[in-house]
Amino acid sequence: MKPEPYKRTPTFDQDTLPAAIRNAHNTKQGVWALLVVTSGEVRLVFDEPPRDVTVRPGEPGLIPPTEVHHVETDGAMEMHVEFYRDKPLI
């Protein structure tokens, strides 16, 4: 059975993306997240181990539990974040 999100943020654009998502943060133990871009692209940046993931429509970014990360934008985009109790299938 495919895991379903139990929570979802509103859709944000380059102007409405909250500082909390632009700055370093993490999910709690046992909480997986999926960054979903519906237009444009964003960079999902992880602290440890350091890595960048370009997230585009059809190519969501997987965020494992407790990994410190932030989102960077460069231009027009729309995105939201889905939260899961089990690792989502992408």
N, C-alpha and C. Protein backbone atom coordinates (compact mmCIF):
# COMPACT_ATOMS: atom_id res chain seq x y z
N MET A 1 0.84 -1.18 0.00
CA MET A 1 0.00 0.00 0.00
C MET A 1 0.88 1.25 0.00
N LYS A 2 0.56 2.21 -0.86
CA LYS A 2 1.33 3.44 -0.98
C LYS A 2 1.06 4.36 0.22
N PRO A 3 2.13 4.85 0.87
CA PRO A 3 1.92 5.78 1.99
C PRO A 3 1.20 7.04 1.52
N GLU A 4 0.31 7.53 2.35
CA GLU A 4 -0.43 8.76 2.05
C GLU A 4 0.01 9.85 3.03
N PRO A 5 0.07 11.10 2.57
CA PRO A 5 0.45 12.18 3.48
C PRO A 5 -0.63 12.40 4.54
N TYR A 6 -0.20 12.72 5.76
CA TYR A 6 -1.16 13.02 6.82
C TYR A 6 -1.35 14.53 6.98
N LYS A 7 -0.46 15.31 6.34
CA LYS A 7 -0.52 16.76 6.44
C LYS A 7 0.13 17.36 5.20
N ARG A 8 -0.30 18.57 4.83
CA ARG A 8 0.23 19.25 3.66
C ARG A 8 0.23 20.74 3.95
N THR A 9 1.30 21.43 3.53
CA THR A 9 1.33 22.88 3.68
C THR A 9 0.48 23.52 2.58
N PRO A 10 0.19 24.80 2.73
CA PRO A 10 -0.42 25.51 1.60
C PRO A 10 0.59 25.56 0.44
N THR A 11 0.14 25.98 -0.71
CA THR A 11 1.05 26.20 -1.84
C THR A 11 1.69 27.57 -1.66
N PHE A 12 3.02 27.60 -1.75
CA PHE A 12 3.78 28.84 -1.62
C PHE A 12 4.38 29.20 -2.97
N ASP A 13 4.61 30.51 -3.18
CA ASP A 13 5.38 30.94 -4.35
C ASP A 13 6.63 31.65 -3.85
N GLN A 14 7.40 32.21 -4.76
CA GLN A 14 8.67 32.84 -4.39
C GLN A 14 8.48 33.99 -3.40
N ASP A 15 7.30 34.61 -3.39
CA ASP A 15 7.05 35.73 -2.48
C ASP A 15 6.45 35.31 -1.15
N THR A 16 5.74 34.19 -1.12
CA THR A 16 5.05 33.78 0.11
C THR A 16 5.76 32.66 0.87
N LEU A 17 6.87 32.14 0.33
CA LEU A 17 7.60 31.07 1.02
C LEU A 17 8.08 31.58 2.38
N PRO A 18 7.65 30.95 3.48
CA PRO A 18 8.01 31.44 4.82
C PRO A 18 9.51 31.35 5.12
N ALA A 19 9.94 32.26 5.97
CA ALA A 19 11.34 32.26 6.41
C ALA A 19 11.70 30.93 7.07
N ALA A 20 10.74 30.30 7.75
CA ALA A 20 11.00 29.02 8.42
C ALA A 20 11.43 27.95 7.43
N ILE A 21 10.97 28.03 6.19
CA ILE A 21 11.37 27.06 5.17
C ILE A 21 12.67 27.50 4.49
N ARG A 22 12.89 28.79 4.39
CA ARG A 22 14.12 29.32 3.78
C ARG A 22 15.34 29.14 4.68
N ASN A 23 15.10 29.01 5.99
CA ASN A 23 16.19 28.86 6.96
C ASN A 23 16.31 27.40 7.39
N ALA A 24 17.45 27.06 7.97
CA ALA A 24 17.72 25.69 8.39
C ALA A 24 16.65 25.20 9.39
N HIS A 25 16.13 24.00 9.11
CA HIS A 25 15.13 23.37 9.98
C HIS A 25 15.14 21.87 9.70
N ASN A 26 14.36 21.12 10.43
CA ASN A 26 14.27 19.68 10.22
C ASN A 26 12.90 19.16 10.65
N THR A 27 12.59 17.96 10.19
CA THR A 27 11.38 17.29 10.66
C THR A 27 11.74 16.50 11.92
N LYS A 28 10.72 16.07 12.63
CA LYS A 28 10.93 15.28 13.84
C LYS A 28 11.28 13.83 13.50
N GLN A 29 11.76 13.11 14.48
CA GLN A 29 12.03 11.68 14.33
C GLN A 29 10.77 10.98 13.83
N GLY A 30 10.89 10.16 12.80
CA GLY A 30 9.77 9.40 12.28
C GLY A 30 8.91 10.14 11.26
N VAL A 31 9.23 11.40 10.98
CA VAL A 31 8.45 12.18 10.02
C VAL A 31 9.25 12.38 8.73
N TRP A 32 8.71 11.85 7.65
CA TRP A 32 9.27 12.04 6.31
C TRP A 32 8.54 13.19 5.65
N ALA A 33 9.21 13.89 4.74
CA ALA A 33 8.56 14.97 4.00
C ALA A 33 8.91 14.84 2.53
N LEU A 34 8.02 15.38 1.72
CA LEU A 34 8.21 15.39 0.28
C LEU A 34 7.96 16.82 -0.19
N LEU A 35 9.00 17.44 -0.75
CA LEU A 35 8.88 18.78 -1.30
C LEU A 35 8.39 18.64 -2.74
N VAL A 36 7.24 19.20 -3.03
CA VAL A 36 6.61 19.06 -4.34
C VAL A 36 6.56 20.42 -5.03
N VAL A 37 7.23 20.56 -6.16
CA VAL A 37 7.22 21.79 -6.94
C VAL A 37 6.21 21.61 -8.07
N THR A 38 5.30 22.58 -8.21
CA THR A 38 4.29 22.51 -9.27
C THR A 38 4.61 23.43 -10.43
N SER A 39 5.49 24.41 -10.22
CA SER A 39 5.99 25.22 -11.33
C SER A 39 7.33 25.83 -10.94
N GLY A 40 8.20 26.01 -11.94
CA GLY A 40 9.54 26.52 -11.68
C GLY A 40 10.42 25.45 -11.07
N GLU A 41 11.39 25.88 -10.26
CA GLU A 41 12.26 24.94 -9.55
C GLU A 41 12.81 25.60 -8.31
N VAL A 42 13.24 24.77 -7.35
CA VAL A 42 13.88 25.23 -6.11
C VAL A 42 15.07 24.33 -5.83
N ARG A 43 15.95 24.81 -4.94
CA ARG A 43 17.06 24.00 -4.47
C ARG A 43 16.77 23.58 -3.05
N LEU A 44 16.83 22.28 -2.81
CA LEU A 44 16.69 21.70 -1.49
C LEU A 44 18.10 21.42 -1.01
N VAL A 45 18.54 22.13 0.03
CA VAL A 45 19.92 22.08 0.49
C VAL A 45 19.98 21.41 1.85
N PHE A 46 20.76 20.33 1.95
CA PHE A 46 20.95 19.59 3.20
C PHE A 46 22.29 19.95 3.82
N ASP A 47 22.32 20.01 5.17
CA ASP A 47 23.55 20.35 5.89
C ASP A 47 24.50 19.17 6.02
N GLU A 48 24.02 18.01 6.47
CA GLU A 48 24.87 16.84 6.74
C GLU A 48 24.22 15.56 6.24
N PRO A 49 24.85 14.85 5.36
CA PRO A 49 26.02 15.30 4.61
C PRO A 49 25.61 16.40 3.64
N PRO A 50 26.52 17.34 3.36
CA PRO A 50 26.19 18.46 2.49
C PRO A 50 25.80 17.98 1.09
N ARG A 51 24.64 18.45 0.62
CA ARG A 51 24.21 18.11 -0.73
C ARG A 51 23.08 19.04 -1.14
N ASP A 52 22.97 19.25 -2.45
CA ASP A 52 21.90 20.06 -3.04
C ASP A 52 21.08 19.18 -3.96
N VAL A 53 19.78 19.39 -3.96
CA VAL A 53 18.88 18.67 -4.85
C VAL A 53 18.04 19.72 -5.57
N THR A 54 18.06 19.70 -6.90
CA THR A 54 17.17 20.58 -7.65
C THR A 54 15.83 19.89 -7.77
N VAL A 55 14.78 20.57 -7.32
CA VAL A 55 13.44 19.99 -7.31
C VAL A 55 12.59 20.72 -8.35
N ARG A 56 12.00 19.94 -9.25
CA ARG A 56 11.18 20.46 -10.35
C ARG A 56 9.85 19.72 -10.38
N PRO A 57 8.90 20.22 -11.18
CA PRO A 57 7.65 19.48 -11.34
C PRO A 57 7.93 18.05 -11.81
N GLY A 58 7.28 17.08 -11.17
CA GLY A 58 7.48 15.68 -11.52
C GLY A 58 8.71 15.04 -10.91
N GLU A 59 9.53 15.83 -10.19
CA GLU A 59 10.75 15.34 -9.54
C GLU A 59 10.78 15.85 -8.09
N PRO A 60 9.95 15.29 -7.21
CA PRO A 60 9.89 15.79 -5.83
C PRO A 60 11.18 15.53 -5.06
N GLY A 61 11.37 16.30 -4.00
CA GLY A 61 12.53 16.16 -3.15
C GLY A 61 12.17 15.44 -1.86
N LEU A 62 12.85 14.33 -1.59
CA LEU A 62 12.61 13.54 -0.39
C LEU A 62 13.42 14.10 0.78
N ILE A 63 12.74 14.31 1.91
CA ILE A 63 13.38 14.84 3.11
C ILE A 63 13.25 13.80 4.22
N PRO A 64 14.36 13.12 4.55
CA PRO A 64 14.32 12.11 5.62
C PRO A 64 14.13 12.74 7.00
N PRO A 65 13.64 11.96 7.96
CA PRO A 65 13.44 12.46 9.32
C PRO A 65 14.73 13.05 9.91
N THR A 66 14.61 14.14 10.59
CA THR A 66 15.63 14.85 11.37
C THR A 66 16.76 15.48 10.55
N GLU A 67 16.79 15.35 9.24
CA GLU A 67 17.89 15.94 8.45
C GLU A 67 17.69 17.44 8.29
N VAL A 68 18.68 18.20 8.73
CA VAL A 68 18.62 19.67 8.67
C VAL A 68 18.75 20.10 7.20
N HIS A 69 17.85 20.99 6.80
CA HIS A 69 17.79 21.42 5.40
C HIS A 69 17.14 22.80 5.30
N HIS A 70 17.21 23.38 4.10
CA HIS A 70 16.48 24.61 3.80
C HIS A 70 16.21 24.65 2.31
N VAL A 71 15.36 25.60 1.90
CA VAL A 71 14.98 25.73 0.49
C VAL A 71 15.46 27.08 -0.02
N GLU A 72 16.04 27.06 -1.22
CA GLU A 72 16.48 28.29 -1.89
C GLU A 72 15.71 28.43 -3.20
N THR A 73 15.33 29.67 -3.51
CA THR A 73 14.61 29.94 -4.75
C THR A 73 15.42 30.90 -5.61
N ASP A 74 15.16 30.84 -6.91
CA ASP A 74 15.79 31.76 -7.85
C ASP A 74 14.82 31.96 -9.01
N GLY A 75 13.84 32.81 -8.76
CA GLY A 75 12.83 33.05 -9.78
C GLY A 75 11.48 32.51 -9.39
N ALA A 76 10.56 32.60 -10.34
CA ALA A 76 9.17 32.19 -10.09
C ALA A 76 9.08 30.69 -9.82
N MET A 77 8.26 30.34 -8.84
CA MET A 77 8.03 28.93 -8.50
C MET A 77 6.77 28.81 -7.68
N GLU A 78 6.23 27.60 -7.61
CA GLU A 78 5.16 27.24 -6.69
C GLU A 78 5.50 25.87 -6.12
N MET A 79 5.29 25.71 -4.82
CA MET A 79 5.65 24.45 -4.15
C MET A 79 4.80 24.26 -2.90
N HIS A 80 4.78 23.02 -2.43
CA HIS A 80 4.20 22.70 -1.13
C HIS A 80 4.99 21.53 -0.55
N VAL A 81 4.73 21.24 0.72
CA VAL A 81 5.41 20.14 1.40
C VAL A 81 4.34 19.19 1.95
N GLU A 82 4.55 17.89 1.72
CA GLU A 82 3.67 16.85 2.25
C GLU A 82 4.43 16.11 3.35
N PHE A 83 3.72 15.70 4.39
CA PHE A 83 4.32 14.99 5.52
C PHE A 83 3.77 13.58 5.63
N TYR A 84 4.67 12.64 5.92
CA TYR A 84 4.34 11.20 5.94
C TYR A 84 4.88 10.54 7.21
N ARG A 85 4.21 9.50 7.66
CA ARG A 85 4.70 8.71 8.78
C ARG A 85 5.62 7.58 8.31
N ASP A 86 5.47 7.19 7.05
CA ASP A 86 6.33 6.18 6.42
C ASP A 86 7.00 6.81 5.20
N LYS A 87 8.12 6.29 4.80
CA LYS A 87 8.83 6.82 3.64
C LYS A 87 7.94 6.81 2.40
N PRO A 88 7.73 7.98 1.79
CA PRO A 88 6.87 8.02 0.60
C PRO A 88 7.58 7.41 -0.62
N LEU A 89 6.79 6.89 -1.51
CA LEU A 89 7.32 6.34 -2.76
C LEU A 89 7.40 7.47 -3.78
N ILE A 90 8.58 7.62 -4.37
CA ILE A 90 8.71 8.66 -5.40
C ILE A 90 9.29 8.08 -6.67
